[in-house]
Protein backbone atom coordinates (compact mmCIF):
# COMPACT_ATOMS: atom_id res chain seq x y z
CA MET A 1 -0.05 0.18 0.18
CA ALA A 2 2.66 2.33 0.75
CA ARG A 3 4.60 1.96 -2.34
CA ARG A 4 1.57 2.21 -4.43
CA ALA A 5 0.71 5.95 -2.58
CA GLU A 6 4.25 6.91 -3.38
CA THR A 7 3.43 6.38 -7.09
CA ILE A 8 0.45 8.10 -6.79
CA GLU A 9 2.17 10.75 -5.28
CA LEU A 10 4.99 11.00 -8.16
CA ALA A 11 2.03 10.78 -10.74
CA VAL A 12 0.18 13.56 -8.91
CA LEU A 13 2.75 15.68 -8.97
CA GLY A 14 3.68 15.35 -12.32
CA LEU A 15 -0.05 16.26 -13.34
CA LEU A 16 0.53 19.00 -11.54
CA HIS A 17 3.41 20.43 -12.89
CA GLU A 18 1.25 20.65 -15.90
CA GLY A 19 -0.69 22.79 -14.71
CA PRO A 20 -3.37 23.48 -11.21
CA MET A 21 -5.78 21.03 -11.44
CA HIS A 22 -9.12 19.94 -9.11
CA GLY A 23 -9.81 16.66 -7.79
CA TYR A 24 -12.27 15.58 -10.50
CA GLU A 25 -9.65 16.50 -13.44
CA LEU A 26 -6.82 14.36 -11.42
CA ARG A 27 -8.67 11.25 -10.72
CA LYS A 28 -9.78 11.23 -14.28
CA ARG A 29 -6.13 11.74 -15.92
CA LEU A 30 -4.32 9.06 -13.07
CA ASN A 31 -6.87 6.38 -14.16
CA LEU A 32 -6.11 6.93 -17.82
CA MET A 33 -2.90 6.72 -16.58
CA LEU A 34 -2.89 3.65 -14.58
CA GLY A 35 -5.49 1.96 -17.17
CA TRP A 36 -8.80 0.24 -16.66
CA GLY A 37 -7.49 -2.57 -14.07
CA ARG A 38 -5.97 -0.29 -11.25
CA VAL A 39 -9.15 2.10 -10.94
CA LEU A 40 -8.11 4.88 -8.47
CA SER A 41 -10.56 5.64 -5.99
CA TYR A 42 -11.63 8.73 -4.39
CA GLY A 43 -11.27 7.03 -1.01
CA SER A 44 -7.35 6.51 -2.40
CA LEU A 45 -6.80 9.76 -3.75
CA TYR A 46 -7.55 12.37 -1.42
CA PRO A 47 -5.71 10.61 1.39
CA THR A 48 -2.72 11.22 -1.11
CA LEU A 49 -3.41 14.51 -1.64
CA LYS A 50 -3.98 15.72 1.98
CA LYS A 51 -0.41 14.33 3.00
CA MET A 52 1.17 15.94 -0.21
CA LEU A 53 -0.33 18.88 1.58
CA ARG A 54 0.95 18.29 5.11
CA ALA A 55 4.23 18.01 3.36
CA SER A 56 3.90 21.03 1.23
CA LEU A 57 4.08 19.58 -1.96
CA ILE A 58 1.14 20.73 -2.98
CA GLU A 59 -1.15 23.53 -2.27
CA GLU A 60 -5.06 24.40 -2.53
CA THR A 61 -7.13 27.43 -3.34
CA MET A 62 -10.66 27.70 -3.73
CA THR A 63 -12.40 28.97 -6.69
CA THR A 64 -14.25 31.51 -6.73
CA LYS A 65 -18.02 31.68 -7.54
CA THR A 66 -18.98 33.13 -10.98
CA PRO A 67 -22.37 35.53 -10.97
CA GLY A 68 -25.66 33.31 -11.09
CA THR A 69 -23.73 30.47 -9.33
CA PRO A 70 -26.47 29.00 -6.64
CA VAL A 71 -25.60 29.70 -3.33
CA SER A 72 -25.75 26.09 -2.66
CA LYS A 73 -23.08 25.20 -4.38
CA ARG A 74 -19.78 24.93 -2.77
CA PRO A 75 -16.65 26.61 -4.60
CA ARG A 76 -13.84 23.49 -6.26
CA ILE A 77 -10.45 23.11 -4.55
CA THR A 78 -8.14 23.45 -7.49
CA TYR A 79 -4.70 22.34 -6.56
CA GLN A 80 -1.19 22.88 -8.24
CA VAL A 81 2.48 22.30 -7.05
CA THR A 82 4.79 24.05 -4.76
CA GLU A 83 8.45 24.86 -5.13
CA ALA A 84 9.01 21.90 -2.82
CA GLY A 85 6.82 19.58 -5.06
CA THR A 86 8.92 20.43 -7.72
CA ARG A 87 11.89 19.77 -6.39
CA GLU A 88 10.73 16.39 -5.56
CA PHE A 89 9.33 15.82 -8.73
CA GLU A 90 12.82 16.38 -9.92
CA ARG A 91 14.30 13.83 -7.60
CA LEU A 92 12.09 11.15 -7.99
CA MET A 93 12.27 11.39 -11.83
CA SER A 94 16.13 11.35 -11.54
CA GLU A 95 15.68 8.10 -9.89
CA VAL A 96 17.59 5.27 -11.91
CA GLY A 97 17.86 2.06 -8.96
CA PRO A 98 15.33 -0.95 -9.31
CA THR A 99 11.84 0.52 -7.94
CA ALA A 100 12.46 2.91 -11.13
CA TRP A 101 12.09 -0.47 -13.06
CA GLU A 102 8.59 -1.72 -11.10
CA ASP A 103 5.40 -2.39 -13.20
CA ASP A 104 3.26 0.47 -11.77
CA ASN A 105 6.95 3.23 -11.11
CA PHE A 106 7.47 2.11 -14.68
CA ASP A 107 4.79 3.27 -16.15
CA ILE A 108 3.89 6.49 -14.26
CA ARG A 109 7.80 7.05 -15.30
CA PHE A 110 7.71 6.89 -18.93
CA ALA A 111 4.43 8.84 -18.84
CA PHE A 112 6.43 11.92 -17.63
CA PHE A 113 9.96 11.06 -19.81
CA SER A 114 9.92 14.14 -21.44
CA SER A 115 10.51 15.55 -17.94
CA THR A 116 14.24 14.16 -18.07
CA ASP A 117 17.23 13.70 -19.87
CA MET A 118 18.43 11.31 -22.54
CA GLU A 119 21.25 9.08 -20.06
CA ILE A 120 18.35 8.93 -17.18
CA ARG A 121 15.97 7.50 -19.44
CA LEU A 122 18.30 5.14 -21.33
CA ARG A 123 19.07 3.89 -17.42
CA VAL A 124 15.44 3.36 -16.96
CA LEU A 125 14.68 1.48 -19.75
CA GLU A 126 17.34 -0.61 -19.69
CA GLY A 127 16.79 -1.34 -15.90
CA ARG A 128 13.22 -2.50 -16.98
CA ARG A 129 14.43 -4.56 -20.21
CA THR A 130 17.00 -6.01 -17.99
CA ARG A 131 14.50 -7.03 -15.00
CA LEU A 132 11.64 -8.55 -17.87
CA GLN A 133 14.35 -10.49 -19.39
CA GLU A 134 15.55 -12.37 -16.58
CA ARG A 135 11.85 -13.02 -15.45
CA LEU A 136 11.45 -14.20 -18.96
CA ASP A 137 14.33 -16.96 -19.57
CA ARG A 138 13.87 -18.28 -15.99
CA VAL A 139 9.61 -18.71 -16.87
CA GLN A 140 10.40 -19.88 -20.60
CA SER A 141 12.97 -22.74 -18.79
CA GLN A 142 10.47 -23.61 -16.44
CA LEU A 143 7.36 -23.92 -18.84
CA ALA A 144 8.71 -27.02 -20.82
CA MET A 145 8.70 -28.98 -17.72
CA THR A 146 5.49 -27.88 -16.38
CA GLN A 147 3.43 -28.39 -19.43
CA LYS A 148 2.23 -31.53 -19.18
CA GLU A 149 1.31 -31.41 -15.59
CA VAL A 150 -1.16 -28.41 -15.99
CA ASP A 151 -4.37 -28.20 -18.46
CA ARG A 152 -4.58 -26.47 -21.61
CA TYR A 153 -6.08 -23.09 -20.56
CA ALA A 154 -3.47 -23.09 -17.45
CA ALA A 155 -1.24 -23.49 -20.63
CA GLU A 156 -2.76 -21.10 -23.15
CA LEU A 157 -2.45 -18.24 -19.70
CA GLN A 158 1.74 -19.12 -19.50
CA ARG A 159 1.77 -18.93 -23.35
CA HIS A 160 -0.06 -16.15 -23.77
CA GLY A 161 1.59 -14.34 -20.74
CA VAL A 162 5.11 -14.97 -21.58
CA GLU A 163 3.96 -13.43 -25.06
CA SER A 164 3.23 -10.59 -23.93
CA VAL A 165 6.47 -9.90 -22.00
CA GLU A 166 8.09 -10.75 -25.21
CA ARG A 167 6.49 -8.05 -27.17
CA GLU A 168 7.25 -5.38 -24.27
CA VAL A 169 11.17 -6.68 -24.68
CA ARG A 170 11.00 -6.15 -27.85
CA TRP A 171 9.35 -2.68 -27.59
CA LEU A 172 11.93 -1.39 -24.88
CA SER A 173 14.45 -2.47 -27.27
CA GLU A 174 13.14 -0.34 -30.20
CA LEU A 175 12.88 2.64 -27.68
CA ILE A 176 16.23 1.99 -26.37
CA ASN A 177 17.80 2.32 -29.79
CA ALA A 178 15.75 4.73 -30.86
CA GLU A 179 17.19 6.65 -27.86
CA ARG A 180 20.91 5.94 -29.11
CA ASN A 181 19.97 7.12 -32.23
CA GLY A 182 18.83 10.32 -31.19
CA GLU A 183 15.26 10.02 -32.84
CA ARG A 184 12.79 12.23 -31.56
CA GLU A 185 10.20 10.02 -32.38
CA THR A 186 9.40 6.90 -30.46
CA PRO A 187 8.22 3.98 -32.11
CA ALA A 188 4.39 2.98 -31.81
CA PRO A 189 3.97 0.07 -28.70
CA GLU A 190 2.85 -3.29 -29.86
CA ALA A 191 1.05 -3.45 -26.23
CA PRO A 192 0.07 -0.16 -24.46
CA VAL A 193 2.74 0.56 -21.72
CA THR A 194 0.34 0.10 -19.01
CA ARG A 195 -0.62 -3.68 -18.49
CA PRO A 196 -3.72 -5.31 -17.22
CA SER A 197 -1.25 -8.22 -16.30
CA ALA A 198 1.47 -9.38 -18.01
CA THR A 199 2.54 -12.69 -15.24
CA PRO A 200 2.50 -16.16 -16.61
CA ALA A 201 0.25 -18.08 -14.53
CA GLY A 202 2.38 -19.92 -11.94
CA ASP A 203 5.26 -17.54 -11.43
CA PRO A 204 3.54 -14.35 -9.56
CA LYS A 205 6.61 -12.79 -9.80
CA LEU A 206 6.95 -12.50 -13.60
């Protein structure tokens, strides 16, 4: 849960880095980034926003009522990033360690790659590819031994999971080559960056 909260914080800082937003817009944008398999509720978003307010990473302002607005209608709260929040966002986006390669964190970081320089992007992409390749090699070596022990549906799920990871590894390789060649346009992914699941059955770590 703590790791998910940190991922949400990074996403909020990145979105507010683009400009002020109110809670409804933030939630809508976050759900688009996280994907349909990880819908974010207000019960998860607002505690994170309150924590960030206490840490002075963001600040809130009340929108003024326009003429003709019903008295009973409450003014909206708009959130914007502070200088401290901008520094924290830049610090998080400059990290290139293992946490930057994990599934949820990688997806969010990738969405804000334009805020980083090429060296950081390359290190994150290469780290992600290496981690996926290690998992893929391990699972592929186990598949031959387990094929006879599972029914055809379980085997098909395993095959689908392996193929999904193989596609992402190829996509990462294309991105890395594009970065190294100084290409401005990145290749279109064979599958969305945000994945509902890329885990072959029988290996919860993949």
